[in-house]
Protein backbone atom coordinates (compact mmCIF):
# COMPACT_ATOMS: atom_id res chain seq x y z
CA MET A 1 0.52 12.61 -2.57
CA VAL A 2 -1.42 9.70 -4.01
CA ALA A 3 -1.65 6.36 -2.19
CA LEU A 4 -2.69 3.02 -3.67
CA VAL A 5 -3.79 0.37 -1.19
CA GLY A 6 -5.43 -3.05 -1.32
CA ILE A 7 -4.99 -6.67 -0.38
CA ASP A 8 -2.01 -8.67 -1.60
CA GLY A 9 -2.56 -9.50 -5.26
CA SER A 10 -4.71 -6.45 -5.96
CA GLY A 11 -2.13 -4.90 -8.28
CA LYS A 12 -0.86 -2.07 -6.07
CA THR A 13 2.74 -2.21 -7.24
CA THR A 14 1.89 -2.57 -10.92
CA GLN A 15 -0.50 0.35 -10.87
CA ALA A 16 1.65 2.60 -8.68
CA VAL A 17 4.64 2.17 -11.00
CA ARG A 18 2.46 2.84 -14.04
CA LEU A 19 0.87 5.88 -12.43
CA ALA A 20 4.23 7.44 -11.56
CA ALA A 21 5.43 6.88 -15.13
CA ALA A 22 2.21 8.33 -16.58
CA LEU A 23 2.48 11.44 -14.42
CA CYS A 24 6.07 11.97 -15.52
CA ALA A 25 5.01 11.54 -19.16
CA ALA A 26 2.36 14.22 -18.57
CA GLY A 27 5.03 16.63 -17.37
CA VAL A 28 4.49 16.15 -13.62
CA THR A 29 7.53 15.18 -11.57
CA ALA A 30 6.53 12.07 -9.66
CA ARG A 31 8.37 9.63 -7.43
CA TYR A 32 7.31 6.07 -6.77
CA GLY A 33 7.55 4.90 -3.16
CA ARG A 34 7.35 1.20 -2.38
CA ASN A 35 6.37 1.16 1.27
CA ALA A 36 6.57 -2.55 2.00
CA GLY A 37 6.71 -3.93 5.51
CA GLY A 38 9.26 -6.62 4.69
CA ARG A 39 6.87 -9.55 5.03
CA ARG A 40 8.18 -11.39 1.95
CA PHE A 41 11.80 -10.89 3.05
CA LEU A 42 11.04 -12.08 6.56
CA GLY A 43 9.24 -15.09 5.11
CA ARG A 44 12.33 -16.02 3.11
CA VAL A 45 14.50 -15.64 6.22
CA ALA A 46 12.13 -17.89 8.16
CA ARG A 47 12.32 -20.61 5.50
CA ARG A 48 16.12 -20.46 5.58
CA PHE A 49 15.88 -21.29 9.27
CA GLY A 50 13.56 -24.18 8.51
CA ARG A 51 10.39 -22.41 9.62
CA GLU A 52 7.14 -22.41 7.66
CA ASP A 53 6.70 -18.64 7.67
CA ALA A 54 7.66 -15.42 9.48
CA VAL A 55 4.98 -15.91 12.13
CA SER A 56 6.45 -19.26 13.16
CA LEU A 57 9.88 -17.61 13.42
CA LEU A 58 9.02 -14.32 15.13
CA GLY A 59 5.60 -14.86 16.61
CA ARG A 60 2.55 -12.89 15.53
CA ARG A 61 3.27 -9.88 17.74
CA GLY A 62 6.95 -9.86 16.80
CA LEU A 63 6.22 -9.96 13.09
CA LEU A 64 3.65 -7.17 13.30
CA THR A 65 6.02 -5.00 15.32
CA ILE A 66 8.93 -5.43 12.89
CA GLU A 67 6.60 -4.92 9.94
CA ALA A 68 5.23 -1.69 11.46
CA VAL A 69 8.74 -0.32 12.03
CA LEU A 70 9.95 -1.21 8.54
CA ARG A 71 6.87 0.29 6.90
CA TRP A 72 7.20 3.47 9.00
CA LEU A 73 10.79 3.87 7.83
CA ALA A 74 9.84 3.20 4.21
CA ILE A 75 7.02 5.75 4.25
CA ALA A 76 9.24 8.36 5.91
CA ARG A 77 11.95 7.80 3.29
CA SER A 78 9.43 8.10 0.44
CA LEU A 79 7.98 11.32 1.85
CA VAL A 80 11.37 12.93 2.43
CA SER A 81 12.53 11.98 -1.05
CA ALA A 82 9.43 13.47 -2.65
CA ARG A 83 9.66 16.62 -0.55
CA LEU A 84 13.31 17.22 -1.37
CA THR A 85 12.67 16.87 -5.10
CA GLY A 86 9.33 18.68 -5.14
CA ALA A 87 7.72 15.61 -6.68
CA THR A 88 4.25 14.15 -6.43
CA ALA A 89 4.61 11.09 -4.21
CA VAL A 90 2.96 7.95 -5.57
CA MET A 91 2.71 5.61 -2.62
CA ASP A 92 2.57 1.85 -3.12
CA ARG A 93 0.93 1.08 0.27
CA TYR A 94 0.42 3.62 3.03
CA THR A 95 -0.66 3.83 6.67
CA PRO A 96 -3.99 1.98 6.24
CA CYS A 97 -2.08 -1.10 5.10
CA GLN A 98 -0.40 -1.49 8.48
CA LEU A 99 -3.65 -1.05 10.39
CA VAL A 100 -5.24 -3.68 8.16
CA SER A 101 -2.34 -6.07 8.72
CA ILE A 102 -2.70 -5.72 12.48
CA ARG A 103 -6.43 -6.29 12.35
CA ALA A 104 -6.21 -9.24 9.97
CA HIS A 105 -3.56 -10.88 12.19
CA GLN A 106 -5.50 -10.02 15.36
CA GLY A 107 -2.64 -7.96 16.74
CA GLY A 108 -4.76 -6.41 19.47
CA ASN A 109 -5.89 -2.96 20.52
CA TRP A 110 -2.62 -1.94 22.17
CA LEU A 111 -0.59 -2.47 19.01
CA THR A 112 -3.26 -0.74 16.93
CA ARG A 113 -3.19 2.33 19.19
CA THR A 114 0.63 2.38 19.16
CA VAL A 115 0.80 2.23 15.37
CA ARG A 116 -1.89 4.89 14.98
CA ALA A 117 0.14 7.22 17.23
CA ALA A 118 3.44 6.46 15.48
CA TYR A 119 1.96 6.95 12.00
CA ALA A 120 -0.10 10.03 12.93
CA PRO A 121 2.56 12.58 11.80
CA PHE A 122 2.40 11.29 8.23
CA PRO A 123 0.37 13.64 6.00
CA ARG A 124 -2.98 12.69 4.57
CA PRO A 125 -2.82 11.85 0.85
CA ALA A 126 -4.68 14.01 -1.63
CA VAL A 127 -6.40 10.81 -2.71
CA ILE A 128 -6.33 7.19 -1.53
CA ILE A 129 -7.25 4.57 -4.12
CA PHE A 130 -8.43 1.19 -2.94
CA LEU A 131 -7.87 -1.38 -5.68
CA ASP A 132 -10.92 -3.51 -5.11
CA VAL A 133 -10.19 -7.14 -5.97
CA PRO A 134 -12.11 -10.08 -4.46
CA PRO A 135 -9.92 -12.28 -2.24
CA GLU A 136 -10.35 -15.34 -4.45
CA VAL A 137 -9.07 -13.40 -7.48
CA ALA A 138 -6.16 -11.99 -5.49
CA TYR A 139 -5.32 -15.48 -4.21
CA HIS A 140 -4.95 -16.86 -7.74
CA ARG A 141 -2.80 -13.88 -8.73
CA VAL A 142 -0.45 -14.44 -5.80
CA GLU A 143 -0.18 -18.13 -6.57
CA HIS A 144 0.45 -17.41 -10.26
CA ARG A 145 3.32 -15.01 -9.63
CA GLY A 146 4.98 -17.75 -7.54
CA GLU A 147 7.04 -15.43 -5.35
CA ASP A 148 5.18 -15.98 -2.10
CA HIS A 149 1.97 -17.40 -0.69
CA GLU A 150 -1.04 -15.99 1.14
CA ASP A 151 -3.77 -18.01 2.81
CA ILE A 152 -7.25 -17.29 1.49
CA GLU A 153 -8.40 -16.82 5.10
CA TYR A 154 -5.89 -13.99 5.55
CA LEU A 155 -6.94 -12.38 2.27
CA ASN A 156 -10.58 -12.56 3.33
CA ALA A 157 -9.73 -10.97 6.68
CA SER A 158 -7.65 -8.26 4.99
CA TYR A 159 -10.41 -7.47 2.52
CA ALA A 160 -12.95 -7.10 5.31
CA ALA A 161 -10.53 -4.95 7.32
CA TYR A 162 -9.93 -2.59 4.39
CA LYS A 163 -13.68 -2.12 4.08
CA ASP A 164 -13.71 -1.09 7.74
CA VAL A 165 -10.55 1.01 7.87
CA LEU A 166 -11.06 2.99 4.67
CA SER A 167 -13.77 5.60 4.93
CA ASP A 168 -12.64 8.15 2.36
CA ALA A 169 -10.87 6.04 -0.25
CA VAL A 170 -11.91 5.95 -3.89
CA HIS A 171 -12.71 2.37 -4.87
CA VAL A 172 -11.37 1.32 -8.26
CA ASP A 173 -12.23 -2.08 -9.72
CA GLY A 174 -8.90 -3.88 -9.95
CA THR A 175 -10.16 -7.06 -11.61
CA GLY A 176 -9.73 -5.90 -15.21
CA ASP A 177 -6.62 -6.10 -17.34
CA PRO A 178 -3.77 -3.78 -16.22
CA ASP A 179 -4.43 -1.25 -19.00
CA ALA A 180 -8.10 -0.88 -18.06
CA VAL A 181 -7.25 -0.53 -14.37
CA ALA A 182 -4.55 2.03 -15.17
CA ARG A 183 -7.07 4.12 -17.12
CA ALA A 184 -9.50 3.99 -14.20
CA VAL A 185 -6.78 5.03 -11.75
CA TRP A 186 -5.73 7.87 -14.04
CA ALA A 187 -9.31 9.12 -14.31
CA VAL A 188 -9.36 9.49 -10.52
CA VAL A 189 -5.87 10.90 -10.01
CA TRP A 190 -5.35 13.34 -12.87
CA PRO A 191 -8.11 15.83 -11.88
CA VAL A 192 -6.72 15.90 -8.33
CA VAL A 193 -3.17 16.49 -9.57
CA LYS A 194 -4.34 19.24 -11.91
CA ARG A 195 -6.10 21.03 -9.06
CA GLY A 196 -2.95 20.77 -6.97
CA LEU A 197 -0.82 22.20 -9.76
CA ALA A 198 -3.27 25.07 -10.19
CA VAL A 199 -3.11 25.88 -6.49
CA ASP A 200 0.71 25.75 -6.52
CA ALA A 201 0.79 28.04 -9.54
CA GLY A 202 -1.50 30.51 -7.81
CA LEU A 203 0.74 30.60 -4.75
CA SER A 204 3.98 31.05 -6.67
């Protein structure tokens, strides 16, 4: 399993989709898993009810709880799907993303402990890639795509939280053009995948 994480606007989805396609092109069965927490959807629902955002509709604790449940279900579905097909799972977001969201939104120690316990059964990825993009760059990307909005303060808090939460992730500069970032991601992932294939071949 390979997981790509980073703040909103860092290019997680773009690079995860490209990585899964590149692995398949190299002869490795891979499945892309988009493990979103439903924040954009909940934001759209809130605006339909005349609220500014999901926090104003659900409250901070309510939003974080729903997000944690939805992300847990998404990760579980992605893992089961990959296991049943024998594929390498390429995860677009993983467990650190929820811990970062809680910290950035000041969800509190109780919720953090609960989420850690609930997410603990999920296996550790072979490699976690942190797409390192400064908050101001990510902010302009989010605004440019025009699908949602993130406050720069939240992006700053998320960026700082990722630096704290991630101790064993490989940092990849995500500020370049998508092709350059994809090459950098591939340079990290392919040796790990090759080692895994060699081990599997030895056991078969």
